[in-house]
Amino acid sequence: MGKRIVIALGGNALGKNLPEQMEAVQHTARAIVDLIEQGNEVIVVHGNGPQVGMIANAMTELTRSDPQKYIPCPLSVCGAMSQGYIGYDLQNALREEMERRGITRGVATVLTQVEVDPADPAFENPTKPIGSFMTEGEAEQLKRDRGYDFVEDSGRGYRRVVASPKPRRIVELDTISSLVAADHVVIACGGGGIPVLPTGNHHLKGAAAVIDKDFAAELLAESLDADYLVILTAVEKVAVNFGKPDQQWLDELTPETAGKYVDEGQFAPGSMLPKVQAAVKFAESKPGRSALITLLDRAADGIAGKTGTIVRA
């Protein structure tokens, strides 16, 4: 029988600009449709790091060009824009690839809001850089005018930093569930979702934050009662002592061994660490659930147990 699989696509699957993205999604679609062709239900979550930065930079330049005419664009709106145009390219590539193979399934992108906790400690310590480099003077001006936070980046200039809170609730979950039940391939929680805060009057307010797409994919996989969470990255397997002479590739991880390696600092923050943490959380969430970390091109082989790092409780 087919499995219900939530896939988290890394940035390398989408390219860094529009021409790269249009080419990259063709390759990405072939790997995803391999899983669909095997009878699996597939839900896709993607990153948006380069894309949301590009949009934020463009909006900043537009505001600078004529501040009387154009007002600053909130980061939440930039995130929504990135979901739309990445989803547009990705769903078209998936539809075309399925039609080539005679697979008749719909594909839909759901503009997804993800609720975060206003008391999340991440809001007290913004660390996620976005946008372009600025001079110290430009950064100070924006800090005064808009209350942004900035960090100096290794002598290259100043960059805005925002919070990266954990996802708490997927607002459009019922819509996503209905589409999956109707046998559609769904693209959701793009870029980790648009982070929103509850206001107490039925209104959701966009937050100046970025949610890690691996944690959002994990929450979506739990919420949809998926069998597999597949986190795709730039390496075939997770490694300890990465890049060192005694590097060791891992075929399997348990929550216990993963915790030991995390305590040792084996996984880089902002890179492999959130992938391992998300994989462990999903594997522990219910008996029989597994997570896989591997390359895009090896996803089908990984599900078959031939490669990648499997995380099981």
Protein backbone atom coordinates (compact mmCIF):
# COMPACT_ATOMS: atom_id res chain seq x y z
CA MET A 1 0.00 0.00 0.00
CA GLY A 2 1.08 3.57 -0.61
CA LYS A 3 2.18 5.83 2.20
CA ARG A 4 1.19 9.35 3.15
CA ILE A 5 4.43 11.33 2.84
CA VAL A 6 5.19 14.94 3.74
CA ILE A 7 8.28 16.18 1.90
CA ALA A 8 10.35 19.16 3.08
CA LEU A 9 12.28 20.59 0.13
CA GLY A 10 15.55 22.39 0.80
CA GLY A 11 16.60 25.57 -0.97
CA ASN A 12 18.87 23.65 -3.37
CA ALA A 13 15.72 22.20 -4.94
CA LEU A 14 14.47 25.64 -6.02
CA GLY A 15 17.45 27.69 -7.21
CA LYS A 16 18.35 31.24 -6.16
CA ASN A 17 16.47 33.34 -8.73
CA LEU A 18 13.58 33.10 -11.21
CA PRO A 19 15.45 31.48 -14.15
CA GLU A 20 17.20 29.00 -11.82
CA GLN A 21 13.91 28.18 -10.14
CA MET A 22 12.08 27.44 -13.39
CA GLU A 23 14.84 24.99 -14.33
CA ALA A 24 15.22 23.50 -10.84
CA VAL A 25 11.53 22.69 -10.37
CA GLN A 26 11.57 20.45 -13.45
CA HIS A 27 14.20 18.24 -11.83
CA THR A 28 12.48 18.47 -8.44
CA ALA A 29 9.13 17.46 -9.95
CA ARG A 30 10.58 14.28 -11.48
CA ALA A 31 11.85 13.10 -8.09
CA ILE A 32 8.53 13.87 -6.37
CA VAL A 33 6.44 12.23 -9.10
CA ASP A 34 8.57 9.08 -8.72
CA LEU A 35 6.99 8.76 -5.26
CA ILE A 36 3.51 9.60 -6.53
CA GLU A 37 3.84 7.00 -9.29
CA GLN A 38 4.46 4.37 -6.62
CA GLY A 39 0.98 5.08 -5.21
CA ASN A 40 1.97 7.39 -2.36
CA GLU A 41 0.06 10.47 -1.21
CA VAL A 42 2.50 13.38 -1.28
CA ILE A 43 2.31 16.76 0.41
CA VAL A 44 5.12 19.23 -0.31
CA VAL A 45 6.60 21.88 1.96
CA HIS A 46 9.38 24.10 0.60
CA GLY A 47 11.87 26.65 1.85
CA ASN A 48 11.94 30.26 0.66
CA GLY A 49 15.21 31.69 2.00
CA PRO A 50 16.63 33.22 -1.19
CA GLN A 51 13.19 34.09 -2.56
CA VAL A 52 11.77 35.97 0.43
CA GLY A 53 15.07 37.85 0.75
CA MET A 54 14.86 38.87 -2.91
CA ILE A 55 11.29 40.12 -2.45
CA ALA A 56 12.14 41.99 0.76
CA ASN A 57 15.12 43.67 -0.96
CA ALA A 58 12.97 44.72 -3.92
CA MET A 59 10.30 46.16 -1.65
CA THR A 60 12.92 48.04 0.39
CA GLU A 61 14.40 49.59 -2.74
CA LEU A 62 10.93 50.58 -3.95
CA THR A 63 10.23 52.32 -0.65
CA ARG A 64 13.59 54.10 -0.77
CA SER A 65 12.93 55.33 -4.32
CA ASP A 66 9.80 57.23 -3.31
CA PRO A 67 8.96 57.06 0.42
CA GLN A 68 6.02 59.40 -0.07
CA LYS A 69 4.36 57.03 -2.52
CA TYR A 70 5.38 53.56 -1.28
CA ILE A 71 5.11 52.28 2.28
CA PRO A 72 7.23 49.46 3.78
CA CYS A 73 6.02 45.95 2.95
CA PRO A 74 5.63 43.70 6.03
CA LEU A 75 7.75 40.56 6.07
CA SER A 76 4.60 38.44 6.39
CA VAL A 77 3.38 39.83 3.06
CA CYS A 78 6.77 39.11 1.45
CA GLY A 79 6.40 35.53 2.71
CA ALA A 80 2.94 35.28 1.15
CA MET A 81 4.34 36.54 -2.17
CA SER A 82 7.08 33.91 -2.08
CA GLN A 83 4.54 31.13 -1.39
CA GLY A 84 2.55 32.24 -4.41
CA TYR A 85 5.27 32.39 -7.01
CA ILE A 86 7.19 29.32 -5.83
CA GLY A 87 3.92 27.37 -5.67
CA TYR A 88 3.01 28.57 -9.18
CA ASP A 89 6.22 27.16 -10.69
CA LEU A 90 6.24 24.01 -8.58
CA GLN A 91 2.61 23.01 -9.14
CA ASN A 92 2.92 23.54 -12.90
CA ALA A 93 6.07 21.40 -13.00
CA LEU A 94 4.37 18.63 -10.99
CA ARG A 95 1.24 18.74 -13.16
CA GLU A 96 3.28 18.54 -16.38
CA GLU A 97 5.38 15.63 -15.10
CA MET A 98 2.30 13.68 -13.97
CA GLU A 99 0.57 14.25 -17.30
CA ARG A 100 3.65 12.91 -19.11
CA ARG A 101 3.32 9.72 -17.08
CA GLY A 102 -0.45 9.43 -17.44
CA ILE A 103 -1.16 10.23 -13.78
CA THR A 104 -4.45 12.07 -13.30
CA ARG A 105 -4.24 14.00 -10.06
CA GLY A 106 -4.86 17.62 -9.28
CA VAL A 107 -2.14 19.83 -7.83
CA ALA A 108 -2.90 22.81 -5.59
CA THR A 109 -0.88 25.38 -3.69
CA VAL A 110 -2.49 26.48 -0.42
CA LEU A 111 -1.46 29.90 0.84
CA THR A 112 -0.78 28.81 4.41
CA GLN A 113 -0.73 30.76 7.65
CA VAL A 114 0.99 29.19 10.65
CA GLU A 115 0.21 30.45 14.12
CA VAL A 116 3.10 31.09 16.48
CA ASP A 117 3.15 31.89 20.19
CA PRO A 118 3.61 35.60 20.95
CA ALA A 119 5.46 34.50 24.10
CA ASP A 120 7.94 32.36 22.14
CA PRO A 121 11.41 33.25 23.47
CA ALA A 122 12.63 33.60 19.86
CA PHE A 123 10.95 37.03 19.76
CA GLU A 124 13.30 38.19 22.51
CA ASN A 125 16.36 37.07 20.56
CA PRO A 126 16.00 37.63 16.78
CA THR A 127 18.71 35.67 14.94
CA LYS A 128 17.45 34.96 11.41
CA PRO A 129 19.14 37.28 8.86
CA ILE A 130 17.05 38.51 5.94
CA GLY A 131 17.53 41.01 3.15
CA SER A 132 20.63 42.77 1.86
CA PHE A 133 23.73 44.13 3.58
CA MET A 134 23.63 47.76 4.71
CA THR A 135 26.01 50.33 6.09
CA GLU A 136 25.96 51.09 9.79
CA GLY A 137 24.28 54.42 9.07
CA GLU A 138 21.52 52.83 6.98
CA ALA A 139 20.92 50.21 9.67
CA GLU A 140 20.73 52.84 12.42
CA GLN A 141 18.23 54.87 10.39
CA LEU A 142 15.93 51.85 9.86
CA LYS A 143 16.27 50.90 13.51
CA ARG A 144 15.05 54.39 14.48
CA ASP A 145 12.34 54.60 11.83
CA ARG A 146 10.90 51.08 11.95
CA GLY A 147 12.30 49.39 15.06
CA TYR A 148 14.18 46.70 13.13
CA ASP A 149 16.97 44.65 14.71
CA PHE A 150 20.35 44.40 12.98
CA VAL A 151 23.59 42.46 13.36
CA GLU A 152 27.04 43.11 11.92
CA ASP A 153 28.04 40.23 9.63
CA SER A 154 31.78 39.46 9.57
CA GLY A 155 32.81 42.86 8.26
CA ARG A 156 30.47 42.63 5.26
CA GLY A 157 27.93 45.08 6.62
CA TYR A 158 24.74 45.04 8.67
CA ARG A 159 21.73 42.80 8.07
CA ARG A 160 18.28 42.82 9.55
CA VAL A 161 17.51 39.88 11.83
CA VAL A 162 14.07 38.56 12.77
CA ALA A 163 12.73 35.93 15.15
CA SER A 164 12.40 32.26 14.20
CA PRO A 165 9.61 30.96 16.48
CA LYS A 166 8.32 27.39 16.54
CA PRO A 167 5.07 26.66 14.66
CA ARG A 168 2.04 26.04 16.88
CA ARG A 169 -0.99 25.62 14.59
CA ILE A 170 -1.58 25.38 10.84
CA VAL A 171 -4.51 27.67 10.16
CA GLU A 172 -5.54 26.16 6.80
CA LEU A 173 -5.21 22.54 7.96
CA ASP A 174 -8.84 21.64 7.17
CA THR A 175 -8.43 22.88 3.59
CA ILE A 176 -5.17 20.95 3.16
CA SER A 177 -6.74 17.80 4.63
CA SER A 178 -9.73 18.04 2.28
CA LEU A 179 -7.49 18.35 -0.77
CA VAL A 180 -5.36 15.39 0.31
CA ALA A 181 -8.50 13.32 0.90
CA ALA A 182 -9.64 14.23 -2.63
CA ASP A 183 -6.39 12.74 -4.02
CA HIS A 184 -4.73 16.06 -4.84
CA VAL A 185 -1.01 16.72 -4.53
CA VAL A 186 -0.79 19.66 -2.13
CA ILE A 187 1.92 22.30 -1.73
CA ALA A 188 1.54 23.94 1.67
CA CYS A 189 3.38 25.76 4.47
CA GLY A 190 5.78 27.28 1.94
CA GLY A 191 8.78 28.87 3.62
CA GLY A 192 7.55 27.45 6.93
CA GLY A 193 4.22 29.22 6.49
CA ILE A 194 3.24 32.86 6.97
CA PRO A 195 3.80 33.43 10.71
CA VAL A 196 0.72 34.91 12.35
CA LEU A 197 -0.24 35.89 15.89
CA PRO A 198 -3.75 35.57 17.40
CA THR A 199 -5.14 38.95 18.50
CA GLY A 200 -8.12 37.78 20.54
CA ASN A 201 -10.78 39.22 18.21
CA HIS A 202 -10.72 36.46 15.56
CA HIS A 203 -8.02 38.35 13.63
CA LEU A 204 -4.62 36.90 12.81
CA LYS A 205 -1.81 39.44 12.63
CA GLY A 206 1.28 38.80 10.51
CA ALA A 207 4.50 38.57 12.52
CA ALA A 208 7.94 39.85 11.50
CA ALA A 209 9.41 36.37 11.74
CA VAL A 210 10.52 33.34 9.75
CA ILE A 211 9.47 29.80 10.68
CA ASP A 212 11.93 27.00 9.94
CA LYS A 213 10.37 24.94 7.14
CA ASP A 214 11.54 21.64 8.67
CA PHE A 215 9.60 22.32 11.89
CA ALA A 216 6.56 23.42 9.89
CA ALA A 217 6.76 20.26 7.76
CA GLU A 218 6.96 18.16 10.94
CA LEU A 219 3.85 19.81 12.40
CA LEU A 220 2.01 19.33 9.10
CA ALA A 221 3.05 15.67 8.95
CA GLU A 222 1.78 15.08 12.49
CA SER A 223 -1.45 16.96 11.81
CA LEU A 224 -2.16 14.95 8.64
CA ASP A 225 -1.29 11.63 10.34
CA ALA A 226 1.44 10.99 7.75
CA ASP A 227 3.48 7.80 7.68
CA TYR A 228 6.73 9.47 6.61
CA LEU A 229 8.39 12.84 6.96
CA VAL A 230 11.04 13.16 4.25
CA ILE A 231 13.52 16.00 4.73
CA LEU A 232 15.55 16.61 1.60
CA THR A 233 18.93 18.26 1.84
CA ALA A 234 22.32 18.57 0.12
CA VAL A 235 23.79 15.30 1.46
CA GLU A 236 22.72 11.68 1.07
CA LYS A 237 22.94 10.89 4.79
CA VAL A 238 23.43 12.58 8.13
CA ALA A 239 27.03 12.46 9.35
CA VAL A 240 28.90 12.91 12.60
CA ASN A 241 32.32 14.58 12.57
CA PHE A 242 31.21 16.08 9.26
CA GLY A 243 34.09 17.20 7.05
CA LYS A 244 36.73 15.65 9.34
CA PRO A 245 39.00 12.65 8.67
CA ASP A 246 36.88 10.49 11.00
CA GLN A 247 33.56 11.50 9.38
CA GLN A 248 30.92 8.79 9.76
CA TRP A 249 27.71 8.53 7.70
CA LEU A 250 24.66 7.33 9.64
CA ASP A 251 22.17 4.83 8.20
CA GLU A 252 19.84 5.10 11.16
CA LEU A 253 19.21 7.35 14.14
CA THR A 254 17.16 6.79 17.26
CA PRO A 255 15.98 9.67 19.45
CA GLU A 256 18.50 8.59 22.08
CA THR A 257 21.53 8.61 19.77
CA ALA A 258 20.33 11.79 18.08
CA GLY A 259 20.09 13.50 21.48
CA LYS A 260 23.62 12.41 22.31
CA TYR A 261 24.99 13.83 19.05
CA VAL A 262 23.03 17.07 19.52
CA ASP A 263 24.54 17.49 23.00
CA GLU A 264 27.99 16.97 21.45
CA GLY A 265 27.32 19.77 18.95
CA GLN A 266 27.60 17.44 15.96
CA PHE A 267 24.90 19.18 13.90
CA ALA A 268 25.20 22.78 12.72
CA PRO A 269 22.47 25.21 13.86
CA GLY A 270 20.49 26.54 10.91
CA SER A 271 21.62 23.56 8.80
CA MET A 272 21.45 19.92 9.90
CA LEU A 273 20.36 20.55 13.51
CA PRO A 274 16.71 21.56 12.79
CA LYS A 275 16.40 18.68 10.32
CA VAL A 276 17.46 16.14 12.93
CA GLN A 277 15.29 17.76 15.63
CA ALA A 278 12.23 17.77 13.35
CA ALA A 279 12.86 14.16 12.28
CA VAL A 280 13.14 12.99 15.88
CA LYS A 281 10.00 14.87 16.94
CA PHE A 282 7.98 13.23 14.16
CA ALA A 283 9.37 9.73 14.83
CA GLU A 284 8.45 10.06 18.52
CA SER A 285 4.97 11.46 17.86
CA LYS A 286 3.27 8.11 17.19
CA PRO A 287 4.29 4.44 16.94
CA GLY A 288 5.12 3.38 13.38
CA ARG A 289 6.12 6.82 12.12
CA SER A 290 9.51 7.28 10.49
CA ALA A 291 11.49 10.22 9.15
CA LEU A 292 14.06 10.17 6.36
CA ILE A 293 16.86 12.64 5.68
CA THR A 294 18.48 12.33 2.26
CA LEU A 295 19.12 13.85 -1.17
CA LEU A 296 16.26 14.82 -3.47
CA ASP A 297 17.33 12.29 -6.11
CA ARG A 298 17.45 9.46 -3.56
CA ALA A 299 14.06 10.03 -1.92
CA ALA A 300 12.38 6.99 -3.52
CA ASP A 301 15.37 4.78 -2.68
CA GLY A 302 15.32 6.12 0.86
CA ILE A 303 11.65 5.25 1.34
CA ALA A 304 12.55 1.75 0.08
CA GLY A 305 15.26 1.54 2.76
CA LYS A 306 18.19 1.62 0.36
CA THR A 307 19.84 4.87 1.40
CA GLY A 308 19.50 8.01 3.51
CA THR A 309 19.31 8.29 7.29
CA ILE A 310 16.16 6.77 8.78
CA VAL A 311 15.01 8.14 12.13
CA ARG A 312 12.84 5.77 14.16
CA ALA A 313 11.77 5.75 17.81
